[in-house]
Amino acid sequence: MVHKINSNKVVVKIFGGLGNQMFQYAIGKSISVKNKLDFQIESKSGFKNDFYERSFGLSHYNIKSDEVDSEILPKKIIKSSRFDFIQKIIDFFDNRFPFLNYLLDSKHWEIVYEKNLYFNPSVFNSSKNKYLIGYWQSELYFKDIRVELLNEFSLRAPLDSINYQFSENIKNTNSVGVHYRRLHGISKGLISKSNSTVLGIVSDDYYKKAIDYMINHNKDLTLFIFSDDINWVRMNVEFNQKVIFVDINGDDKNYLDMYLMSLCKHQIIANSSFSWWAAWLNKNESKIVISPRNWYINESMNKNDTIPTNWIKL
């Protein structure tokens, strides 16, 4: 459903992988709840030039936001959504000459770009129409509405028989979801240069230490292995624990992998927003979540608010 703007709203640009989209949705929902604003998403422009040919994935969930009518958004928003260099130019002038934001836009929009990897409480300010562009990867933006997000990020459709069988197996064992992020097919040469130079791959030593930690704090563990390149993990990683490879869902059903991972009693995540959300959606009150201490190759970028304080960093 396309919803036209008649009153002050918060609109969030949706782009990237499923985990990215969930962060973007979550901050928009949180701002709308706290400021009593209507909430729409803009998902048309974000996937036009996606390197991995990803698409909007939130339709599999019980989200309650409409798609905004892009025709009524100010032209500078549409332009800046398509071209990064235009974003930078607009941001430069808006920061130095804020009155231009008013003159160029009769609807009094505020375009909010994510400035860094830290939680920025100022995004909750302002009563203007708000258009957010960024990744917003911190639970501090939406921790207070956890109940609402757990409901909205529940699956619309019931599980098919094979996913149901896996879900029952996960529930009835002392399960640990282990996620290997292979950068969307690095083994096959299908990799974005910008992504590889920013994130990199978590070391084997990290997984060894994380699994050892789980063994020392639990009994009779079963490791459920998830990956965007599950065959690589099967062929290249040795496990001393009972292991089940979750290889039943392809890229087009990755939301089912995330759901199954969230059912595990504990998680060992990669430097990945995908497994971050699987761990965050885990409702087990005594869960152990282990995360890489460093998510980025650039050491300065690892100073951020991405990992919740009650998760273990190794």
C-alpha atoms as a PDB file:
ATOM      1  CA  MET A   1       0.000   0.000   0.000  1.00  0.00           C
ATOM      2  CA  VAL A   2       1.334   3.451  -0.945  1.00  0.00           C
ATOM      3  CA  HIS A   3       0.593   6.098   1.638  1.00  0.00           C
ATOM      4  CA  LYS A   4       0.617   9.833   0.889  1.00  0.00           C
ATOM      5  CA  ILE A   5       1.878  12.293   3.447  1.00  0.00           C
ATOM      6  CA  ASN A   6      -0.689  14.613   4.976  1.00  0.00           C
ATOM      7  CA  SER A   7       0.904  15.177   8.393  1.00  0.00           C
ATOM      8  CA  ASN A   8       4.344  15.000   9.948  1.00  0.00           C
ATOM      9  CA  LYS A   9       5.999  11.644   9.364  1.00  0.00           C
ATOM     10  CA  VAL A  10       9.229   9.790   9.687  1.00  0.00           C
ATOM     11  CA  VAL A  11      10.306   8.076   6.468  1.00  0.00           C
ATOM     12  CA  VAL A  12      13.256   5.685   6.356  1.00  0.00           C
ATOM     13  CA  LYS A  13      15.184   4.649   3.276  1.00  0.00           C
ATOM     14  CA  ILE A  14      15.412   0.828   3.092  1.00  0.00           C
ATOM     15  CA  PHE A  15      18.444  -0.735   1.408  1.00  0.00           C
ATOM     16  CA  GLY A  16      21.112  -3.411   1.833  1.00  0.00           C
ATOM     17  CA  GLY A  17      20.673  -6.937   3.154  1.00  0.00           C
ATOM     18  CA  LEU A  18      17.921  -8.222   5.402  1.00  0.00           C
ATOM     19  CA  GLY A  19      19.735  -7.317   8.620  1.00  0.00           C
ATOM     20  CA  ASN A  20      20.399  -3.783   7.366  1.00  0.00           C
ATOM     21  CA  GLN A  21      16.742  -3.390   6.456  1.00  0.00           C
ATOM     22  CA  MET A  22      15.677  -4.458   9.936  1.00  0.00           C
ATOM     23  CA  PHE A  23      17.938  -1.871  11.585  1.00  0.00           C
ATOM     24  CA  GLN A  24      16.483   0.807   9.327  1.00  0.00           C
ATOM     25  CA  TYR A  25      12.917  -0.241  10.020  1.00  0.00           C
ATOM     26  CA  ALA A  26      13.584  -0.428  13.760  1.00  0.00           C
ATOM     27  CA  ILE A  27      14.879   3.129  14.095  1.00  0.00           C
ATOM     28  CA  GLY A  28      11.983   4.496  12.073  1.00  0.00           C
ATOM     29  CA  LYS A  29       9.495   2.614  14.213  1.00  0.00           C
ATOM     30  CA  SER A  30      11.176   3.849  17.375  1.00  0.00           C
ATOM     31  CA  ILE A  31      11.152   7.505  16.305  1.00  0.00           C
ATOM     32  CA  SER A  32       7.498   7.246  15.305  1.00  0.00           C
ATOM     33  CA  VAL A  33       6.520   5.716  18.661  1.00  0.00           C
ATOM     34  CA  LYS A  34       8.485   8.162  20.799  1.00  0.00           C
ATOM     35  CA  ASN A  35       7.488  11.285  18.848  1.00  0.00           C
ATOM     36  CA  LYS A  36       3.982  10.102  17.951  1.00  0.00           C
ATOM     37  CA  LEU A  37       4.635  10.437  14.222  1.00  0.00           C
ATOM     38  CA  ASP A  38       3.306   8.388  11.344  1.00  0.00           C
ATOM     39  CA  PHE A  39       5.877   5.991   9.907  1.00  0.00           C
ATOM     40  CA  GLN A  40       6.488   5.081   6.279  1.00  0.00           C
ATOM     41  CA  ILE A  41       9.324   3.331   4.463  1.00  0.00           C
ATOM     42  CA  GLU A  42      10.896   4.203   1.101  1.00  0.00           C
ATOM     43  CA  SER A  43      12.183   1.016  -0.522  1.00  0.00           C
ATOM     44  CA  LYS A  44      12.115   1.880  -4.234  1.00  0.00           C
ATOM     45  CA  SER A  45      15.410   3.726  -4.685  1.00  0.00           C
ATOM     46  CA  GLY A  46      17.620   1.663  -2.384  1.00  0.00           C
ATOM     47  CA  PHE A  47      17.875  -1.473  -4.534  1.00  0.00           C
ATOM     48  CA  LYS A  48      18.314  -0.019  -8.016  1.00  0.00           C
ATOM     49  CA  ASN A  49      22.084  -0.412  -8.114  1.00  0.00           C
ATOM     50  CA  ASP A  50      22.623  -3.060  -5.451  1.00  0.00           C
ATOM     51  CA  PHE A  51      25.856  -4.975  -6.156  1.00  0.00           C
ATOM     52  CA  TYR A  52      24.409  -8.244  -4.836  1.00  0.00           C
ATOM     53  CA  GLU A  53      21.039  -7.733  -6.536  1.00  0.00           C
ATOM     54  CA  ARG A  54      19.265  -7.806  -3.188  1.00  0.00           C
ATOM     55  CA  SER A  55      15.642  -6.766  -2.814  1.00  0.00           C
ATOM     56  CA  PHE A  56      13.165  -5.662  -0.196  1.00  0.00           C
ATOM     57  CA  GLY A  57      12.874  -8.456   2.366  1.00  0.00           C
ATOM     58  CA  LEU A  58      10.645  -7.114   5.114  1.00  0.00           C
ATOM     59  CA  SER A  59       7.433  -8.219   3.392  1.00  0.00           C
ATOM     60  CA  HIS A  60       7.896 -11.637   5.030  1.00  0.00           C
ATOM     61  CA  TYR A  61       7.253 -10.048   8.441  1.00  0.00           C
ATOM     62  CA  ASN A  62       4.250  -8.555  10.199  1.00  0.00           C
ATOM     63  CA  ILE A  63       5.478  -4.997   9.779  1.00  0.00           C
ATOM     64  CA  LYS A  64       2.946  -2.209  10.111  1.00  0.00           C
ATOM     65  CA  SER A  65       4.468   0.499   7.946  1.00  0.00           C
ATOM     66  CA  ASP A  66       3.277   1.569   4.511  1.00  0.00           C
ATOM     67  CA  GLU A  67       5.382   2.418   1.471  1.00  0.00           C
ATOM     68  CA  VAL A  68       5.552   6.192   1.026  1.00  0.00           C
ATOM     69  CA  ASP A  69       4.589   7.655  -2.338  1.00  0.00           C
ATOM     70  CA  SER A  70       7.992   8.710  -3.690  1.00  0.00           C
ATOM     71  CA  GLU A  71       6.384  11.264  -6.009  1.00  0.00           C
ATOM     72  CA  ILE A  72       5.491  13.498  -3.095  1.00  0.00           C
ATOM     73  CA  LEU A  73       8.956  13.402  -1.570  1.00  0.00           C
ATOM     74  CA  PRO A  74      11.112  16.467  -2.308  1.00  0.00           C
ATOM     75  CA  LYS A  75      13.210  15.978  -5.441  1.00  0.00           C
ATOM     76  CA  LYS A  76      16.463  16.380  -3.543  1.00  0.00           C
ATOM     77  CA  ILE A  77      15.549  13.312  -1.465  1.00  0.00           C
ATOM     78  CA  ILE A  78      14.997  11.189  -4.550  1.00  0.00           C
ATOM     79  CA  LYS A  79      18.236  12.407  -6.106  1.00  0.00           C
ATOM     80  CA  SER A  80      20.261  11.921  -2.985  1.00  0.00           C
ATOM     81  CA  SER A  81      18.857   8.407  -2.630  1.00  0.00           C
ATOM     82  CA  ARG A  82      20.296   7.449  -6.014  1.00  0.00           C
ATOM     83  CA  PHE A  83      23.728   9.037  -5.982  1.00  0.00           C
ATOM     84  CA  ASP A  84      26.160   9.010  -3.093  1.00  0.00           C
ATOM     85  CA  PHE A  85      28.104  12.028  -4.345  1.00  0.00           C
ATOM     86  CA  ILE A  86      24.899  14.106  -4.411  1.00  0.00           C
ATOM     87  CA  GLN A  87      24.237  13.031  -0.827  1.00  0.00           C
ATOM     88  CA  LYS A  88      27.621  14.412   0.171  1.00  0.00           C
ATOM     89  CA  ILE A  89      27.107  17.711  -1.641  1.00  0.00           C
ATOM     90  CA  ILE A  90      23.665  18.245  -0.112  1.00  0.00           C
ATOM     91  CA  ASP A  91      24.942  17.274   3.324  1.00  0.00           C
ATOM     92  CA  PHE A  92      27.824  19.751   2.994  1.00  0.00           C
ATOM     93  CA  PHE A  93      25.558  22.695   2.206  1.00  0.00           C
ATOM     94  CA  ASP A  94      22.799  21.736   4.636  1.00  0.00           C
ATOM     95  CA  ASN A  95      25.268  21.572   7.520  1.00  0.00           C
ATOM     96  CA  ARG A  96      26.704  24.985   6.716  1.00  0.00           C
ATOM     97  CA  PHE A  97      23.593  26.751   5.445  1.00  0.00           C
ATOM     98  CA  PRO A  98      20.618  25.148   7.216  1.00  0.00           C
ATOM     99  CA  PHE A  99      18.233  27.790   5.911  1.00  0.00           C
ATOM    100  CA  LEU A 100      18.620  26.194   2.454  1.00  0.00           C
ATOM    101  CA  ASN A 101      16.827  23.151   3.785  1.00  0.00           C
ATOM    102  CA  TYR A 102      13.807  25.372   4.372  1.00  0.00           C
ATOM    103  CA  LEU A 103      14.023  27.324   1.118  1.00  0.00           C
ATOM    104  CA  LEU A 104      14.421  24.244  -1.051  1.00  0.00           C
ATOM    105  CA  ASP A 105      11.586  22.354   0.525  1.00  0.00           C
ATOM    106  CA  SER A 106       8.133  23.784   1.093  1.00  0.00           C
ATOM    107  CA  LYS A 107       7.121  20.726   3.099  1.00  0.00           C
ATOM    108  CA  HIS A 108       9.834  21.465   5.693  1.00  0.00           C
ATOM    109  CA  TRP A 109      11.644  18.155   5.455  1.00  0.00           C
ATOM    110  CA  GLU A 110      14.681  17.280   7.483  1.00  0.00           C
ATOM    111  CA  ILE A 111      17.051  14.851   5.766  1.00  0.00           C
ATOM    112  CA  VAL A 112      19.025  12.960   8.405  1.00  0.00           C
ATOM    113  CA  TYR A 113      22.193  11.105   7.423  1.00  0.00           C
ATOM    114  CA  GLU A 114      23.954   8.714   9.774  1.00  0.00           C
ATOM    115  CA  LYS A 115      27.129  10.547  10.771  1.00  0.00           C
ATOM    116  CA  ASN A 116      29.110   7.750  12.421  1.00  0.00           C
ATOM    117  CA  LEU A 117      28.763   4.341  14.098  1.00  0.00           C
ATOM    118  CA  TYR A 118      27.822   5.712  17.510  1.00  0.00           C
ATOM    119  CA  PHE A 119      24.306   6.105  18.862  1.00  0.00           C
ATOM    120  CA  ASN A 120      23.073   9.605  18.026  1.00  0.00           C
ATOM    121  CA  PRO A 121      20.120  10.640  20.246  1.00  0.00           C
ATOM    122  CA  SER A 122      19.583  13.846  18.259  1.00  0.00           C
ATOM    123  CA  VAL A 123      17.762  11.872  15.544  1.00  0.00           C
ATOM    124  CA  PHE A 124      14.772  11.781  17.900  1.00  0.00           C
ATOM    125  CA  ASN A 125      14.554  15.585  17.919  1.00  0.00           C
ATOM    126  CA  SER A 126      12.483  17.777  15.582  1.00  0.00           C
ATOM    127  CA  SER A 127       8.800  17.794  14.718  1.00  0.00           C
ATOM    128  CA  LYS A 128       9.419  18.163  10.962  1.00  0.00           C
ATOM    129  CA  ASN A 129       8.923  15.503   8.367  1.00  0.00           C
ATOM    130  CA  LYS A 130      12.037  13.352   8.697  1.00  0.00           C
ATOM    131  CA  TYR A 131      13.789  11.252   6.036  1.00  0.00           C
ATOM    132  CA  LEU A 132      16.522   8.962   7.390  1.00  0.00           C
ATOM    133  CA  ILE A 133      19.421   7.553   5.365  1.00  0.00           C
ATOM    134  CA  GLY A 134      21.876   5.216   7.088  1.00  0.00           C
ATOM    135  CA  TYR A 135      22.484   1.841   8.706  1.00  0.00           C
ATOM    136  CA  TRP A 136      21.699   2.788  12.345  1.00  0.00           C
ATOM    137  CA  GLN A 137      23.285  -0.372  13.784  1.00  0.00           C
ATOM    138  CA  SER A 138      22.725   0.050  17.509  1.00  0.00           C
ATOM    139  CA  GLU A 139      19.973  -1.302  19.714  1.00  0.00           C
ATOM    140  CA  LEU A 140      20.100   1.986  21.644  1.00  0.00           C
ATOM    141  CA  TYR A 141      17.851   3.416  18.933  1.00  0.00           C
ATOM    142  CA  PHE A 142      15.064   0.901  19.562  1.00  0.00           C
ATOM    143  CA  LYS A 143      15.766  -1.076  22.734  1.00  0.00           C
ATOM    144  CA  ASP A 144      12.745   0.513  24.428  1.00  0.00           C
ATOM    145  CA  ILE A 145      10.321  -0.920  21.864  1.00  0.00           C
ATOM    146  CA  ARG A 146      11.620  -4.504  21.932  1.00  0.00           C
ATOM    147  CA  VAL A 147       8.141  -5.988  22.461  1.00  0.00           C
ATOM    148  CA  GLU A 148       6.731  -4.177  19.424  1.00  0.00           C
ATOM    149  CA  LEU A 149       9.661  -5.222  17.236  1.00  0.00           C
ATOM    150  CA  LEU A 150       9.465  -8.859  18.322  1.00  0.00           C
ATOM    151  CA  ASN A 151       5.841  -8.821  17.179  1.00  0.00           C
ATOM    152  CA  GLU A 152       6.481  -7.032  13.895  1.00  0.00           C
ATOM    153  CA  PHE A 153       9.515  -9.159  13.026  1.00  0.00           C
ATOM    154  CA  SER A 154       7.502 -12.349  13.439  1.00  0.00           C
ATOM    155  CA  LEU A 155       6.900 -14.336  10.257  1.00  0.00           C
ATOM    156  CA  ARG A 156       3.698 -13.799   8.307  1.00  0.00           C
ATOM    157  CA  ALA A 157       3.449 -17.312   6.940  1.00  0.00           C
ATOM    158  CA  PRO A 158       3.664 -20.647   8.804  1.00  0.00           C
ATOM    159  CA  LEU A 159       6.761 -22.779   8.331  1.00  0.00           C
ATOM    160  CA  ASP A 160       6.868 -25.448   5.659  1.00  0.00           C
ATOM    161  CA  SER A 161       7.355 -29.022   6.840  1.00  0.00           C
ATOM    162  CA  ILE A 162      11.151 -29.201   6.594  1.00  0.00           C
ATOM    163  CA  ASN A 163      11.731 -25.874   8.367  1.00  0.00           C
ATOM    164  CA  TYR A 164       9.238 -26.953  11.010  1.00  0.00           C
ATOM    165  CA  GLN A 165      11.233 -30.150  11.588  1.00  0.00           C
ATOM    166  CA  PHE A 166      14.426 -28.141  11.975  1.00  0.00           C
ATOM    167  CA  SER A 167      12.707 -25.743  14.366  1.00  0.00           C
ATOM    168  CA  GLU A 168      11.553 -28.609  16.585  1.00  0.00           C
ATOM    169  CA  ASN A 169      15.048 -30.093  16.591  1.00  0.00           C
ATOM    170  CA  ILE A 170      16.496 -26.729  17.609  1.00  0.00           C
ATOM    171  CA  LYS A 171      13.947 -26.283  20.400  1.00  0.00           C
ATOM    172  CA  ASN A 172      14.504 -29.771  21.797  1.00  0.00           C
ATOM    173  CA  THR A 173      18.313 -29.637  21.997  1.00  0.00           C
ATOM    174  CA  ASN A 174      20.834 -27.444  23.766  1.00  0.00           C
ATOM    175  CA  SER A 175      21.299 -25.595  20.517  1.00  0.00           C
ATOM    176  CA  VAL A 176      23.907 -23.045  19.513  1.00  0.00           C
ATOM    177  CA  GLY A 177      23.422 -21.150  16.265  1.00  0.00           C
ATOM    178  CA  VAL A 178      26.813 -20.546  14.625  1.00  0.00           C
ATOM    179  CA  HIS A 179      26.948 -18.127  11.707  1.00  0.00           C
ATOM    180  CA  TYR A 180      29.715 -17.998   9.119  1.00  0.00           C
ATOM    181  CA  ARG A 181      29.516 -14.915   6.930  1.00  0.00           C
ATOM    182  CA  ARG A 182      31.282 -15.553   3.638  1.00  0.00           C
ATOM    183  CA  LEU A 183      30.661 -12.082   2.223  1.00  0.00           C
ATOM    184  CA  HIS A 184      27.954 -13.107  -0.229  1.00  0.00           C
ATOM    185  CA  GLY A 185      30.027 -15.722  -2.018  1.00  0.00           C
ATOM    186  CA  ILE A 186      33.671 -14.727  -1.606  1.00  0.00           C
ATOM    187  CA  SER A 187      34.522 -18.359  -2.362  1.00  0.00           C
ATOM    188  CA  LYS A 188      32.982 -17.903  -5.809  1.00  0.00           C
ATOM    189  CA  GLY A 189      34.530 -14.509  -6.503  1.00  0.00           C
ATOM    190  CA  LEU A 190      31.188 -12.761  -6.089  1.00  0.00           C
ATOM    191  CA  ILE A 191      32.208  -9.973  -3.765  1.00  0.00           C
ATOM    192  CA  SER A 192      31.838  -6.231  -3.529  1.00  0.00           C
ATOM    193  CA  LYS A 193      35.252  -4.583  -3.271  1.00  0.00           C
ATOM    194  CA  SER A 194      33.952  -1.918  -0.902  1.00  0.00           C
ATOM    195  CA  ASN A 195      32.365  -4.506   1.385  1.00  0.00           C
ATOM    196  CA  SER A 196      35.448  -6.712   1.538  1.00  0.00           C
ATOM    197  CA  THR A 197      37.750  -3.843   2.423  1.00  0.00           C
ATOM    198  CA  VAL A 198      35.445  -2.641   5.186  1.00  0.00           C
ATOM    199  CA  LEU A 199      34.350  -5.832   6.949  1.00  0.00           C
ATOM    200  CA  GLY A 200      36.727  -8.646   6.119  1.00  0.00           C
ATOM    201  CA  ILE A 201      36.236 -12.198   7.399  1.00  0.00           C
ATOM    202  CA  VAL A 202      36.206 -13.346  11.026  1.00  0.00           C
ATOM    203  CA  SER A 203      39.164 -15.607  11.849  1.00  0.00           C
ATOM    204  CA  ASP A 204      39.028 -19.349  12.541  1.00  0.00           C
ATOM    205  CA  ASP A 205      40.547 -18.582  15.934  1.00  0.00           C
ATOM    206  CA  TYR A 206      37.486 -16.549  16.870  1.00  0.00           C
ATOM    207  CA  TYR A 207      35.155 -19.481  16.199  1.00  0.00           C
ATOM    208  CA  LYS A 208      37.403 -21.886  18.093  1.00  0.00           C
ATOM    209  CA  LYS A 209      37.464 -19.642  21.162  1.00  0.00           C
ATOM    210  CA  ALA A 210      33.718 -18.977  20.942  1.00  0.00           C
ATOM    211  CA  ILE A 211      32.846 -22.681  20.699  1.00  0.00           C
ATOM    212  CA  ASP A 212      35.229 -23.473  23.575  1.00  0.00           C
ATOM    213  CA  TYR A 213      33.495 -20.810  25.672  1.00  0.00           C
ATOM    214  CA  MET A 214      30.107 -22.345  24.939  1.00  0.00           C
ATOM    215  CA  ILE A 215      31.386 -25.829  25.843  1.00  0.00           C
ATOM    216  CA  ASN A 216      32.735 -24.553  29.157  1.00  0.00           C
ATOM    217  CA  HIS A 217      29.368 -23.017  30.061  1.00  0.00           C
ATOM    218  CA  ASN A 218      26.969 -25.633  28.711  1.00  0.00           C
ATOM    219  CA  LYS A 219      26.498 -29.388  28.408  1.00  0.00           C
ATOM    220  CA  ASP A 220      25.454 -31.607  25.499  1.00  0.00           C
ATOM    221  CA  LEU A 221      25.659 -28.873  22.898  1.00  0.00           C
ATOM    222  CA  THR A 222      24.473 -29.206  19.329  1.00  0.00           C
ATOM    223  CA  LEU A 223      25.903 -26.695  16.884  1.00  0.00           C
ATOM    224  CA  PHE A 224      23.550 -25.570  14.139  1.00  0.00           C
ATOM    225  CA  ILE A 225      25.672 -24.104  11.346  1.00  0.00           C
ATOM    226  CA  PHE A 226      24.316 -21.268   9.200  1.00  0.00           C
ATOM    227  CA  SER A 227      26.113 -19.583   6.319  1.00  0.00           C
ATOM    228  CA  ASP A 228      25.630 -17.823   3.003  1.00  0.00           C
ATOM    229  CA  ASP A 229      28.164 -20.392   1.709  1.00  0.00           C
ATOM    230  CA  ILE A 230      27.297 -23.507   3.684  1.00  0.00           C
ATOM    231  CA  ASN A 231      29.245 -25.879   1.408  1.00  0.00           C
ATOM    232  CA  TRP A 232      32.452 -23.954   2.075  1.00  0.00           C
ATOM    233  CA  VAL A 233      31.959 -24.391   5.823  1.00  0.00           C
ATOM    234  CA  ARG A 234      31.208 -28.081   5.436  1.00  0.00           C
ATOM    235  CA  MET A 235      34.376 -28.641   3.400  1.00  0.00           C
ATOM    236  CA  ASN A 236      36.784 -26.390   5.312  1.00  0.00           C
ATOM    237  CA  VAL A 237      35.851 -26.336   9.005  1.00  0.00           C
ATOM    238  CA  GLU A 238      36.288 -29.226  11.439  1.00  0.00           C
ATOM    239  CA  PHE A 239      34.046 -29.515  14.485  1.00  0.00           C
ATOM    240  CA  ASN A 240      34.495 -31.696  17.581  1.00  0.00           C
ATOM    241  CA  GLN A 241      30.892 -31.207  18.706  1.00  0.00           C
ATOM    242  CA  LYS A 242      27.683 -32.580  17.286  1.00  0.00           C
ATOM    243  CA  VAL A 243      26.941 -30.481  14.224  1.00  0.00           C
ATOM    244  CA  ILE A 244      23.893 -29.975  12.032  1.00  0.00           C
ATOM    245  CA  PHE A 245      24.303 -27.938   8.849  1.00  0.00           C
ATOM    246  CA  VAL A 246      21.243 -25.849   8.051  1.00  0.00           C
ATOM    247  CA  ASP A 247      21.249 -26.081   4.260  1.00  0.00           C
ATOM    248  CA  ILE A 248      17.548 -26.105   3.448  1.00  0.00           C
ATOM    249  CA  ASN A 249      16.990 -22.449   2.535  1.00  0.00           C
ATOM    250  CA  GLY A 250      18.592 -20.488  -0.293  1.00  0.00           C
ATOM    251  CA  ASP A 251      19.245 -16.767  -0.491  1.00  0.00           C
ATOM    252  CA  ASP A 252      15.621 -16.135  -1.415  1.00  0.00           C
ATOM    253  CA  LYS A 253      14.527 -17.686   1.891  1.00  0.00           C
ATOM    254  CA  ASN A 254      17.234 -16.278   4.145  1.00  0.00           C
ATOM    255  CA  TYR A 255      14.552 -14.929   6.488  1.00  0.00           C
ATOM    256  CA  LEU A 256      13.794 -18.551   7.405  1.00  0.00           C
ATOM    257  CA  ASP A 257      17.454 -19.126   8.276  1.00  0.00           C
ATOM    258  CA  MET A 258      17.343 -16.063  10.502  1.00  0.00           C
ATOM    259  CA  TYR A 259      14.213 -17.355  12.202  1.00  0.00           C
ATOM    260  CA  LEU A 260      15.742 -20.787  12.834  1.00  0.00           C
ATOM    261  CA  MET A 261      18.925 -19.186  14.136  1.00  0.00           C
ATOM    262  CA  SER A 262      16.882 -17.042  16.538  1.00  0.00           C
ATOM    263  CA  LEU A 263      15.298 -20.194  17.989  1.00  0.00           C
ATOM    264  CA  CYS A 264      18.687 -21.534  19.100  1.00  0.00           C
ATOM    265  CA  LYS A 265      19.263 -21.200  22.820  1.00  0.00           C
ATOM    266  CA  HIS A 266      22.586 -19.450  22.228  1.00  0.00           C
ATOM    267  CA  GLN A 267      24.378 -17.766  19.316  1.00  0.00           C
ATOM    268  CA  ILE A 268      27.879 -17.338  17.974  1.00  0.00           C
ATOM    269  CA  ILE A 269      27.505 -14.561  15.451  1.00  0.00           C
ATOM    270  CA  ALA A 270      29.716 -13.266  12.663  1.00  0.00           C
ATOM    271  CA  ASN A 271      30.449  -9.599  11.943  1.00  0.00           C
ATOM    272  CA  SER A 272      27.067  -9.557  10.304  1.00  0.00           C
ATOM    273  CA  SER A 273      23.835  -7.651  10.782  1.00  0.00           C
ATOM    274  CA  PHE A 274      22.054 -10.852   9.729  1.00  0.00           C
ATOM    275  CA  SER A 275      23.217 -12.951  12.685  1.00  0.00           C
ATOM    276  CA  TRP A 276      23.096  -9.859  14.928  1.00  0.00           C
ATOM    277  CA  TRP A 277      19.332  -9.821  14.425  1.00  0.00           C
ATOM    278  CA  ALA A 278      19.020 -13.578  14.915  1.00  0.00           C
ATOM    279  CA  ALA A 279      20.662 -13.146  18.313  1.00  0.00           C
ATOM    280  CA  TRP A 280      18.636 -10.052  19.216  1.00  0.00           C
ATOM    281  CA  LEU A 281      15.359 -11.807  18.350  1.00  0.00           C
ATOM    282  CA  ASN A 282      16.297 -14.778  20.554  1.00  0.00           C
ATOM    283  CA  LYS A 283      13.796 -14.741  23.430  1.00  0.00           C
ATOM    284  CA  ASN A 284      15.780 -17.043  25.716  1.00  0.00           C
ATOM    285  CA  GLU A 285      16.369 -14.967  28.871  1.00  0.00           C
ATOM    286  CA  SER A 286      19.506 -16.965  29.757  1.00  0.00           C
ATOM    287  CA  LYS A 287      21.002 -16.879  26.276  1.00  0.00           C
ATOM    288  CA  ILE A 288      24.719 -16.507  25.675  1.00  0.00           C
ATOM    289  CA  VAL A 289      25.592 -14.432  22.622  1.00  0.00           C
ATOM    290  CA  ILE A 290      29.201 -14.259  21.472  1.00  0.00           C
ATOM    291  CA  SER A 291      30.263 -11.620  18.956  1.00  0.00           C
ATOM    292  CA  PRO A 292      33.558 -10.712  17.299  1.00  0.00           C
ATOM    293  CA  ARG A 293      35.199  -7.871  19.190  1.00  0.00           C
ATOM    294  CA  ASN A 294      36.225  -6.249  15.912  1.00  0.00           C
ATOM    295  CA  TRP A 295      33.768  -6.004  13.029  1.00  0.00           C
ATOM    296  CA  TYR A 296      35.840  -3.837  10.711  1.00  0.00           C
ATOM    297  CA  ILE A 297      39.299  -3.954   9.183  1.00  0.00           C
ATOM    298  CA  ASN A 298      39.792  -0.274   9.990  1.00  0.00           C
ATOM    299  CA  GLU A 299      40.522  -0.309  13.726  1.00  0.00           C
ATOM    300  CA  SER A 300      39.012   3.141  14.296  1.00  0.00           C
ATOM    301  CA  MET A 301      35.636   1.894  13.050  1.00  0.00           C
ATOM    302  CA  ASN A 302      35.521  -0.727  15.805  1.00  0.00           C
ATOM    303  CA  LYS A 303      34.769   2.000  18.329  1.00  0.00           C
ATOM    304  CA  ASN A 304      30.993   1.883  18.015  1.00  0.00           C
ATOM    305  CA  ASP A 305      27.709   0.992  19.728  1.00  0.00           C
ATOM    306  CA  THR A 306      26.891  -2.033  17.571  1.00  0.00           C
ATOM    307  CA  ILE A 307      27.280  -4.828  20.130  1.00  0.00           C
ATOM    308  CA  PRO A 308      24.869  -4.834  23.128  1.00  0.00           C
ATOM    309  CA  THR A 309      26.641  -4.597  26.462  1.00  0.00           C
ATOM    310  CA  ASN A 310      25.345  -7.975  27.684  1.00  0.00           C
ATOM    311  CA  TRP A 311      26.876  -9.871  24.738  1.00  0.00           C
ATOM    312  CA  ILE A 312      30.346 -11.390  25.020  1.00  0.00           C
ATOM    313  CA  LYS A 313      33.063 -10.003  22.748  1.00  0.00           C
ATOM    314  CA  LEU A 314      35.937 -12.235  21.725  1.00  0.00           C
END
